[in-house]
Amino acid sequence: MSKLVRDKIPEIITRNDEIIPSTHIAIGEDLLDALDKKLDEEIAEFRSAPDAHSAVEEIADIIEVLLALAHFRGFSPEQIEAIRLEKRAKRGGFEKGIILE
């Protein structure tokens, strides 16, 4: 299977299925590659979400992966939020749906 999972998933599998799953810890570039693949997976799940509840859960998963990517690249959530707000103040957000042609 070999895919990145949330930190408590092996524990949950052991508790629910009474088996100890085979795991390893990704580090360095392997971890960044795994996070990149996980981001693609979560975005695909968001795009195919059947309802609003599923969509919001997928958005939460996407944010969690983005925060992990930021962490392993040396950025804090506070740094990211400050930059986001600065860009929003200078350039705006995406709420108006403006398409440049």
N, C-alpha and C. Protein backbone atom coordinates (compact mmCIF):
# COMPACT_ATOMS: atom_id res chain seq x y z
N MET A 1 0.84 -1.19 0.00
CA MET A 1 0.00 0.00 0.00
C MET A 1 0.88 1.25 0.00
N SER A 2 1.79 1.41 0.91
CA SER A 2 2.78 2.48 0.98
C SER A 2 2.21 3.87 0.69
N LYS A 3 1.47 4.41 1.64
CA LYS A 3 0.98 5.77 1.50
C LYS A 3 1.03 6.47 2.85
N LEU A 4 1.20 7.76 2.81
CA LEU A 4 1.24 8.56 4.03
C LEU A 4 -0.14 8.58 4.67
N VAL A 5 -0.17 8.35 5.98
CA VAL A 5 -1.43 8.39 6.73
C VAL A 5 -1.25 9.29 7.95
N ARG A 6 -2.36 9.71 8.52
CA ARG A 6 -2.31 10.52 9.74
C ARG A 6 -1.63 9.72 10.85
N ASP A 7 -1.03 10.44 11.79
CA ASP A 7 -0.17 9.84 12.81
C ASP A 7 -0.84 8.76 13.66
N LYS A 8 -2.13 8.88 13.91
CA LYS A 8 -2.80 7.92 14.80
C LYS A 8 -3.44 6.74 14.06
N ILE A 9 -3.34 6.70 12.74
CA ILE A 9 -3.98 5.63 11.96
C ILE A 9 -3.45 4.24 12.32
N PRO A 10 -2.13 4.02 12.45
CA PRO A 10 -1.68 2.67 12.84
C PRO A 10 -2.26 2.22 14.18
N GLU A 11 -2.34 3.14 15.14
CA GLU A 11 -2.92 2.84 16.45
C GLU A 11 -4.41 2.48 16.32
N ILE A 12 -5.12 3.20 15.49
CA ILE A 12 -6.55 2.94 15.28
C ILE A 12 -6.75 1.58 14.61
N ILE A 13 -5.91 1.26 13.62
CA ILE A 13 -5.99 -0.05 12.95
C ILE A 13 -5.74 -1.17 13.95
N THR A 14 -4.73 -1.00 14.79
CA THR A 14 -4.42 -2.02 15.80
C THR A 14 -5.58 -2.21 16.76
N ARG A 15 -6.17 -1.11 17.20
CA ARG A 15 -7.29 -1.18 18.15
C ARG A 15 -8.52 -1.82 17.51
N ASN A 16 -8.84 -1.41 16.28
CA ASN A 16 -10.07 -1.88 15.64
C ASN A 16 -9.94 -3.26 15.01
N ASP A 17 -8.82 -3.53 14.38
CA ASP A 17 -8.67 -4.78 13.63
C ASP A 17 -7.80 -5.81 14.34
N GLU A 18 -7.24 -5.42 15.49
CA GLU A 18 -6.38 -6.30 16.28
C GLU A 18 -5.21 -6.84 15.47
N ILE A 19 -4.67 -6.01 14.58
CA ILE A 19 -3.44 -6.34 13.86
C ILE A 19 -2.48 -5.16 13.98
N ILE A 20 -1.22 -5.45 13.87
CA ILE A 20 -0.22 -4.39 13.89
C ILE A 20 0.22 -4.15 12.45
N PRO A 21 -0.13 -2.99 11.89
CA PRO A 21 0.22 -2.73 10.49
C PRO A 21 1.72 -2.51 10.32
N SER A 22 2.21 -2.85 9.16
CA SER A 22 3.61 -2.61 8.82
C SER A 22 3.76 -1.14 8.44
N THR A 23 4.71 -0.45 9.07
CA THR A 23 4.92 0.97 8.81
C THR A 23 6.41 1.28 8.76
N HIS A 24 6.73 2.43 8.23
CA HIS A 24 8.06 3.01 8.38
C HIS A 24 7.91 4.52 8.43
N ILE A 25 8.92 5.20 8.87
CA ILE A 25 8.90 6.65 9.01
C ILE A 25 9.64 7.28 7.84
N ALA A 26 8.95 8.14 7.11
CA ALA A 26 9.58 8.86 6.00
C ALA A 26 10.28 10.09 6.57
N ILE A 27 11.45 10.39 6.01
CA ILE A 27 12.20 11.58 6.41
C ILE A 27 12.75 12.28 5.18
N GLY A 28 13.11 13.52 5.35
CA GLY A 28 13.75 14.27 4.28
C GLY A 28 12.92 14.35 3.02
N GLU A 29 13.58 14.13 1.89
CA GLU A 29 12.90 14.22 0.60
C GLU A 29 11.80 13.17 0.45
N ASP A 30 11.98 12.01 1.07
CA ASP A 30 10.93 10.98 1.02
C ASP A 30 9.64 11.48 1.67
N LEU A 31 9.78 12.20 2.77
CA LEU A 31 8.61 12.75 3.45
C LEU A 31 7.96 13.84 2.61
N LEU A 32 8.76 14.72 2.03
CA LEU A 32 8.21 15.77 1.18
C LEU A 32 7.51 15.18 -0.04
N ASP A 33 8.07 14.13 -0.62
CA ASP A 33 7.42 13.46 -1.74
C ASP A 33 6.09 12.83 -1.31
N ALA A 34 6.09 12.20 -0.12
CA ALA A 34 4.86 11.58 0.40
C ALA A 34 3.79 12.63 0.67
N LEU A 35 4.20 13.77 1.20
CA LEU A 35 3.24 14.85 1.45
C LEU A 35 2.70 15.42 0.14
N ASP A 36 3.55 15.52 -0.87
CA ASP A 36 3.11 16.01 -2.18
C ASP A 36 2.06 15.06 -2.77
N LYS A 37 2.31 13.76 -2.68
CA LYS A 37 1.34 12.77 -3.18
C LYS A 37 0.04 12.84 -2.37
N LYS A 38 0.17 13.02 -1.05
CA LYS A 38 -1.01 13.10 -0.19
C LYS A 38 -1.84 14.33 -0.55
N LEU A 39 -1.18 15.44 -0.87
CA LEU A 39 -1.90 16.64 -1.27
C LEU A 39 -2.69 16.38 -2.54
N ASP A 40 -2.07 15.73 -3.53
CA ASP A 40 -2.79 15.37 -4.75
C ASP A 40 -4.00 14.50 -4.43
N GLU A 41 -3.81 13.51 -3.54
CA GLU A 41 -4.89 12.60 -3.16
C GLU A 41 -6.05 13.36 -2.51
N GLU A 42 -5.72 14.25 -1.58
CA GLU A 42 -6.77 15.00 -0.87
C GLU A 42 -7.49 15.97 -1.80
N ILE A 43 -6.78 16.59 -2.73
CA ILE A 43 -7.43 17.48 -3.69
C ILE A 43 -8.38 16.69 -4.58
N ALA A 44 -7.96 15.51 -5.03
CA ALA A 44 -8.84 14.67 -5.84
C ALA A 44 -10.08 14.27 -5.05
N GLU A 45 -9.91 13.93 -3.77
CA GLU A 45 -11.06 13.58 -2.94
C GLU A 45 -11.99 14.77 -2.75
N PHE A 46 -11.43 15.96 -2.61
CA PHE A 46 -12.26 17.16 -2.50
C PHE A 46 -13.07 17.35 -3.78
N ARG A 47 -12.42 17.22 -4.91
CA ARG A 47 -13.10 17.45 -6.19
C ARG A 47 -14.23 16.45 -6.43
N SER A 48 -14.12 15.28 -5.85
CA SER A 48 -15.17 14.27 -6.06
C SER A 48 -16.08 14.11 -4.84
N ALA A 49 -15.98 15.02 -3.89
CA ALA A 49 -16.81 14.94 -2.69
C ALA A 49 -18.29 14.99 -3.07
N PRO A 50 -19.08 14.05 -2.55
CA PRO A 50 -20.48 13.96 -2.95
C PRO A 50 -21.41 14.97 -2.29
N ASP A 51 -20.95 15.60 -1.20
CA ASP A 51 -21.82 16.53 -0.49
C ASP A 51 -20.98 17.55 0.27
N ALA A 52 -21.66 18.54 0.85
CA ALA A 52 -20.98 19.63 1.54
C ALA A 52 -20.18 19.14 2.74
N HIS A 53 -20.72 18.19 3.50
CA HIS A 53 -20.00 17.67 4.67
C HIS A 53 -18.70 17.01 4.25
N SER A 54 -18.76 16.19 3.21
CA SER A 54 -17.54 15.53 2.71
C SER A 54 -16.55 16.57 2.19
N ALA A 55 -17.05 17.58 1.50
CA ALA A 55 -16.18 18.62 0.94
C ALA A 55 -15.43 19.36 2.04
N VAL A 56 -16.13 19.73 3.10
CA VAL A 56 -15.47 20.48 4.17
C VAL A 56 -14.45 19.60 4.89
N GLU A 57 -14.72 18.30 5.02
CA GLU A 57 -13.73 17.40 5.61
C GLU A 57 -12.49 17.31 4.74
N GLU A 58 -12.67 17.28 3.43
CA GLU A 58 -11.53 17.23 2.52
C GLU A 58 -10.74 18.53 2.54
N ILE A 59 -11.43 19.66 2.68
CA ILE A 59 -10.73 20.94 2.82
C ILE A 59 -9.87 20.92 4.08
N ALA A 60 -10.40 20.39 5.17
CA ALA A 60 -9.63 20.28 6.41
C ALA A 60 -8.40 19.39 6.21
N ASP A 61 -8.55 18.29 5.46
CA ASP A 61 -7.41 17.41 5.17
C ASP A 61 -6.37 18.13 4.33
N ILE A 62 -6.81 18.89 3.35
CA ILE A 62 -5.89 19.65 2.50
C ILE A 62 -5.09 20.64 3.34
N ILE A 63 -5.78 21.35 4.23
CA ILE A 63 -5.10 22.31 5.10
C ILE A 63 -4.09 21.59 5.99
N GLU A 64 -4.45 20.44 6.52
CA GLU A 64 -3.54 19.67 7.38
C GLU A 64 -2.27 19.29 6.61
N VAL A 65 -2.41 18.84 5.37
CA VAL A 65 -1.25 18.48 4.56
C VAL A 65 -0.41 19.72 4.26
N LEU A 66 -1.06 20.83 3.92
CA LEU A 66 -0.32 22.07 3.63
C LEU A 66 0.45 22.55 4.86
N LEU A 67 -0.15 22.43 6.03
CA LEU A 67 0.56 22.81 7.25
C LEU A 67 1.76 21.91 7.52
N ALA A 68 1.62 20.63 7.22
CA ALA A 68 2.76 19.71 7.38
C ALA A 68 3.86 20.06 6.39
N LEU A 69 3.49 20.33 5.14
CA LEU A 69 4.49 20.75 4.14
C LEU A 69 5.21 22.01 4.61
N ALA A 70 4.46 22.97 5.11
CA ALA A 70 5.06 24.21 5.60
C ALA A 70 6.01 23.92 6.76
N HIS A 71 5.57 23.10 7.70
CA HIS A 71 6.39 22.76 8.86
C HIS A 71 7.73 22.16 8.43
N PHE A 72 7.69 21.19 7.53
CA PHE A 72 8.92 20.52 7.12
C PHE A 72 9.78 21.36 6.19
N ARG A 73 9.25 22.47 5.72
CA ARG A 73 10.05 23.44 4.95
C ARG A 73 10.49 24.61 5.83
N GLY A 74 10.13 24.55 7.13
CA GLY A 74 10.60 25.54 8.08
C GLY A 74 9.72 26.75 8.28
N PHE A 75 8.46 26.66 7.88
CA PHE A 75 7.54 27.79 8.02
C PHE A 75 6.50 27.49 9.08
N SER A 76 6.17 28.50 9.87
CA SER A 76 5.14 28.32 10.90
C SER A 76 3.78 28.72 10.34
N PRO A 77 2.71 28.22 10.95
CA PRO A 77 1.37 28.65 10.55
C PRO A 77 1.21 30.17 10.67
N GLU A 78 1.85 30.75 11.67
CA GLU A 78 1.76 32.21 11.86
C GLU A 78 2.42 32.96 10.70
N GLN A 79 3.57 32.47 10.24
CA GLN A 79 4.23 33.10 9.09
C GLN A 79 3.34 33.03 7.85
N ILE A 80 2.77 31.88 7.64
CA ILE A 80 1.92 31.70 6.46
C ILE A 80 0.70 32.61 6.54
N GLU A 81 0.09 32.69 7.71
CA GLU A 81 -1.09 33.53 7.86
C GLU A 81 -0.74 35.00 7.65
N ALA A 82 0.41 35.43 8.16
CA ALA A 82 0.83 36.82 7.97
C ALA A 82 1.04 37.14 6.50
N ILE A 83 1.66 36.23 5.77
CA ILE A 83 1.87 36.43 4.34
C ILE A 83 0.55 36.41 3.59
N ARG A 84 -0.34 35.49 3.98
CA ARG A 84 -1.66 35.41 3.34
C ARG A 84 -2.42 36.73 3.51
N LEU A 85 -2.40 37.25 4.72
CA LEU A 85 -3.12 38.50 5.00
C LEU A 85 -2.49 39.68 4.27
N GLU A 86 -1.16 39.70 4.20
CA GLU A 86 -0.46 40.76 3.47
C GLU A 86 -0.83 40.73 1.99
N LYS A 87 -0.81 39.53 1.40
CA LYS A 87 -1.17 39.40 -0.02
C LYS A 87 -2.63 39.77 -0.24
N ARG A 88 -3.48 39.38 0.69
CA ARG A 88 -4.91 39.70 0.57
C ARG A 88 -5.13 41.21 0.62
N ALA A 89 -4.41 41.89 1.53
CA ALA A 89 -4.54 43.34 1.64
C ALA A 89 -4.06 44.04 0.36
N LYS A 90 -2.98 43.53 -0.24
CA LYS A 90 -2.42 44.16 -1.44
C LYS A 90 -3.15 43.78 -2.72
N ARG A 91 -3.59 42.51 -2.82
CA ARG A 91 -4.12 42.00 -4.08
C ARG A 91 -5.54 41.49 -4.00
N GLY A 92 -6.05 41.37 -2.79
CA GLY A 92 -7.40 40.84 -2.62
C GLY A 92 -7.41 39.33 -2.47
N GLY A 93 -8.63 38.79 -2.34
CA GLY A 93 -8.82 37.35 -2.24
C GLY A 93 -9.37 36.81 -3.55
N PHE A 94 -10.20 35.80 -3.44
CA PHE A 94 -10.79 35.18 -4.63
C PHE A 94 -12.31 35.13 -4.56
N GLU A 95 -12.91 35.83 -3.60
CA GLU A 95 -14.34 35.75 -3.37
C GLU A 95 -15.19 36.28 -4.51
N LYS A 96 -14.69 37.27 -5.25
CA LYS A 96 -15.50 37.88 -6.31
C LYS A 96 -15.55 37.05 -7.59
N GLY A 97 -14.68 36.07 -7.71
CA GLY A 97 -14.71 35.20 -8.88
C GLY A 97 -14.28 35.90 -10.17
N ILE A 98 -13.42 36.86 -10.10
CA ILE A 98 -12.99 37.61 -11.27
C ILE A 98 -12.11 36.75 -12.17
N ILE A 99 -12.49 36.66 -13.44
CA ILE A 99 -11.70 35.93 -14.44
C ILE A 99 -11.07 36.96 -15.37
N LEU A 100 -9.75 36.98 -15.44
CA LEU A 100 -9.04 37.90 -16.32
C LEU A 100 -8.94 37.30 -17.70
N GLU A 101 -9.36 38.07 -18.72
CA GLU A 101 -9.36 37.55 -20.10
C GLU A 101 -8.41 38.33 -20.96
